[in-house]
Protein backbone atom coordinates (compact mmCIF):
# COMPACT_ATOMS: atom_id res chain seq x y z
CA MET A 1 21.35 76.79 -46.79
CA ASP A 2 19.12 73.96 -47.87
CA TRP A 3 19.86 71.54 -45.03
CA PRO A 4 17.82 68.56 -46.25
CA LEU A 5 19.56 68.68 -49.64
CA ALA A 6 22.95 69.00 -47.91
CA LEU A 7 22.10 66.00 -45.71
CA GLY A 8 21.18 63.95 -48.77
CA LEU A 9 24.38 64.88 -50.58
CA ILE A 10 26.52 64.10 -47.54
CA LEU A 11 24.87 60.71 -47.12
CA LEU A 12 25.39 59.97 -50.81
CA LEU A 13 29.10 60.73 -50.44
CA ILE A 14 29.50 58.35 -47.49
CA PRO A 15 30.56 54.85 -48.61
CA VAL A 16 27.77 52.28 -48.59
CA PRO A 17 27.74 50.52 -45.19
CA SER A 18 28.56 46.83 -45.21
CA GLY A 19 25.49 44.66 -45.37
CA LEU A 20 23.53 47.13 -47.52
CA THR A 21 23.22 47.29 -51.25
CA ALA A 22 23.90 50.57 -53.01
CA THR A 23 20.21 50.82 -53.92
CA ALA A 24 19.13 50.37 -50.30
CA TRP A 25 21.59 53.06 -49.20
CA HIS A 26 20.32 55.47 -51.87
CA TYR A 27 16.72 54.94 -50.79
CA PHE A 28 17.71 55.48 -47.15
CA THR A 29 19.42 58.71 -48.20
CA LEU A 30 16.26 59.86 -49.96
CA PHE A 31 14.16 58.87 -46.94
CA ALA A 32 16.44 60.81 -44.56
CA ALA A 33 16.38 63.89 -46.80
CA VAL A 34 12.57 63.81 -47.05
CA ILE A 35 12.19 63.47 -43.27
CA ALA A 36 14.64 66.35 -42.76
CA ALA A 37 12.67 68.45 -45.27
CA LEU A 38 9.40 67.68 -43.48
CA ILE A 39 10.94 68.98 -40.26
CA MET A 40 12.98 71.93 -41.55
CA GLU A 41 11.42 73.27 -44.74
CA PRO A 42 8.49 75.69 -44.93
CA LEU A 43 6.84 73.61 -47.66
CA PRO A 44 3.54 71.83 -47.08
CA GLY A 45 3.97 68.20 -46.09
CA PRO A 46 2.18 66.85 -49.17
CA ALA A 47 4.54 68.78 -51.46
CA VAL A 48 7.63 67.41 -49.70
CA GLY A 49 6.26 63.86 -49.91
CA PHE A 50 5.37 64.40 -53.55
CA ILE A 51 8.93 65.50 -54.33
CA GLY A 52 10.37 62.45 -52.55
CA VAL A 53 8.07 60.03 -54.33
CA THR A 54 8.83 61.67 -57.67
CA ILE A 55 12.57 61.33 -57.15
CA ALA A 56 12.18 57.69 -56.10
CA ALA A 57 10.06 56.91 -59.16
CA MET A 58 12.48 58.61 -61.52
CA VAL A 59 15.44 56.71 -60.08
CA ALA A 60 13.66 53.34 -59.98
CA VAL A 61 12.45 53.31 -63.58
CA PRO A 62 15.27 54.38 -65.91
CA SER A 63 13.19 54.11 -69.08
CA VAL A 64 10.70 56.78 -67.96
CA PRO A 65 10.61 59.75 -70.37
CA ILE A 66 11.75 62.28 -67.79
CA ARG A 67 10.65 65.55 -69.37
CA PRO A 68 6.96 64.70 -70.03
CA VAL A 69 6.53 62.92 -66.71
CA THR A 70 8.17 65.76 -64.80
CA LEU A 71 6.00 68.35 -66.51
CA MET A 72 2.83 66.37 -65.74
CA LEU A 73 3.87 65.99 -62.10
CA VAL A 74 4.63 69.70 -61.83
CA TYR A 75 1.30 70.62 -63.40
CA SER A 76 -0.53 68.28 -61.04
CA LEU A 77 1.05 69.87 -57.95
CA GLY A 78 -1.62 72.57 -58.04
CA LEU A 79 -4.26 69.90 -57.57
CA MET A 80 -2.99 69.26 -54.04
CA GLY A 81 -3.63 72.88 -53.15
CA VAL A 82 -7.35 72.67 -53.78
CA ILE A 83 -8.31 69.25 -52.44
CA THR A 84 -7.85 69.85 -48.70
CA PRO A 85 -7.97 72.88 -46.43
CA TYR A 86 -4.45 72.20 -45.17
CA ALA A 87 -2.57 71.51 -48.42
CA THR A 88 -1.18 75.00 -49.03
CA GLY A 89 0.18 77.82 -46.91
CA PRO A 90 -2.75 80.25 -46.62
CA ALA A 91 -5.47 77.58 -46.64
CA PRO A 92 -5.39 76.89 -42.85
CA ILE A 93 -5.86 80.61 -42.22
CA TRP A 94 -8.92 80.79 -44.46
CA TYR A 95 -10.27 77.51 -43.10
CA GLY A 96 -9.52 78.17 -39.43
CA SER A 97 -10.70 81.77 -39.33
CA GLY A 98 -14.28 80.83 -40.05
CA TYR A 99 -14.39 83.39 -42.87
CA ILE A 100 -15.53 80.62 -45.19
CA ALA A 101 -17.98 78.07 -43.83
CA ASP A 102 -16.72 74.48 -43.65
CA LYS A 103 -19.27 73.23 -46.15
CA ASP A 104 -18.45 76.01 -48.63
CA PHE A 105 -14.72 75.51 -48.23
CA TRP A 106 -14.91 71.80 -49.09
CA ARG A 107 -17.44 72.40 -51.89
CA GLN A 108 -15.31 75.11 -53.50
CA GLY A 109 -12.20 72.93 -53.12
CA PHE A 110 -13.99 70.07 -54.86
CA ILE A 111 -15.20 72.29 -57.71
CA MET A 112 -11.76 73.82 -58.23
CA GLY A 113 -10.17 70.36 -58.02
CA VAL A 114 -12.46 69.04 -60.76
CA VAL A 115 -11.81 72.10 -62.95
CA TYR A 116 -8.06 71.86 -62.40
CA LEU A 117 -8.00 68.12 -63.11
CA ALA A 118 -10.09 68.58 -66.28
CA VAL A 119 -7.76 71.29 -67.59
CA LEU A 120 -4.75 69.18 -66.66
CA LEU A 121 -6.03 66.12 -68.51
CA LEU A 122 -7.67 67.85 -71.49
CA VAL A 123 -5.14 70.63 -72.13
CA GLY A 124 -1.98 69.89 -70.16
CA MET A 125 -1.45 66.25 -71.05
CA PRO A 126 -1.91 66.65 -74.83
CA PHE A 127 0.41 69.68 -74.75
CA VAL A 128 3.11 67.81 -72.84
CA LEU A 129 2.84 64.70 -74.99
CA ARG A 130 3.05 66.73 -78.18
CA PHE A 131 5.76 69.25 -77.33
CA ALA A 132 7.85 67.70 -74.56
């Protein structure tokens, strides 16, 4: 079972405590679910934080065109995997084993990050804005 999601849903079903606004309670619920996901889920920490921030942004700004923004955020998730040696699952193994030298690891991550960002901005964004 997805315990962080269950926790968030349970907290949403609880009546808003006195002294809090509904918005404050909803943000607390999101905060609690993100913290639970950081502890319990096998996702990288940056991905969990990214999901929480995305949900908060989507809820806070109702006029956001959800489909294009969501697609751009999903496409940009891959960028996190190449910018640090600890952003994705196998990266700490490659980095910590010494198989790739530190300097090469960071250099290759930077190069792949630039390539990924360029493709995202030059191909992904026009595609999303045109077809989403």
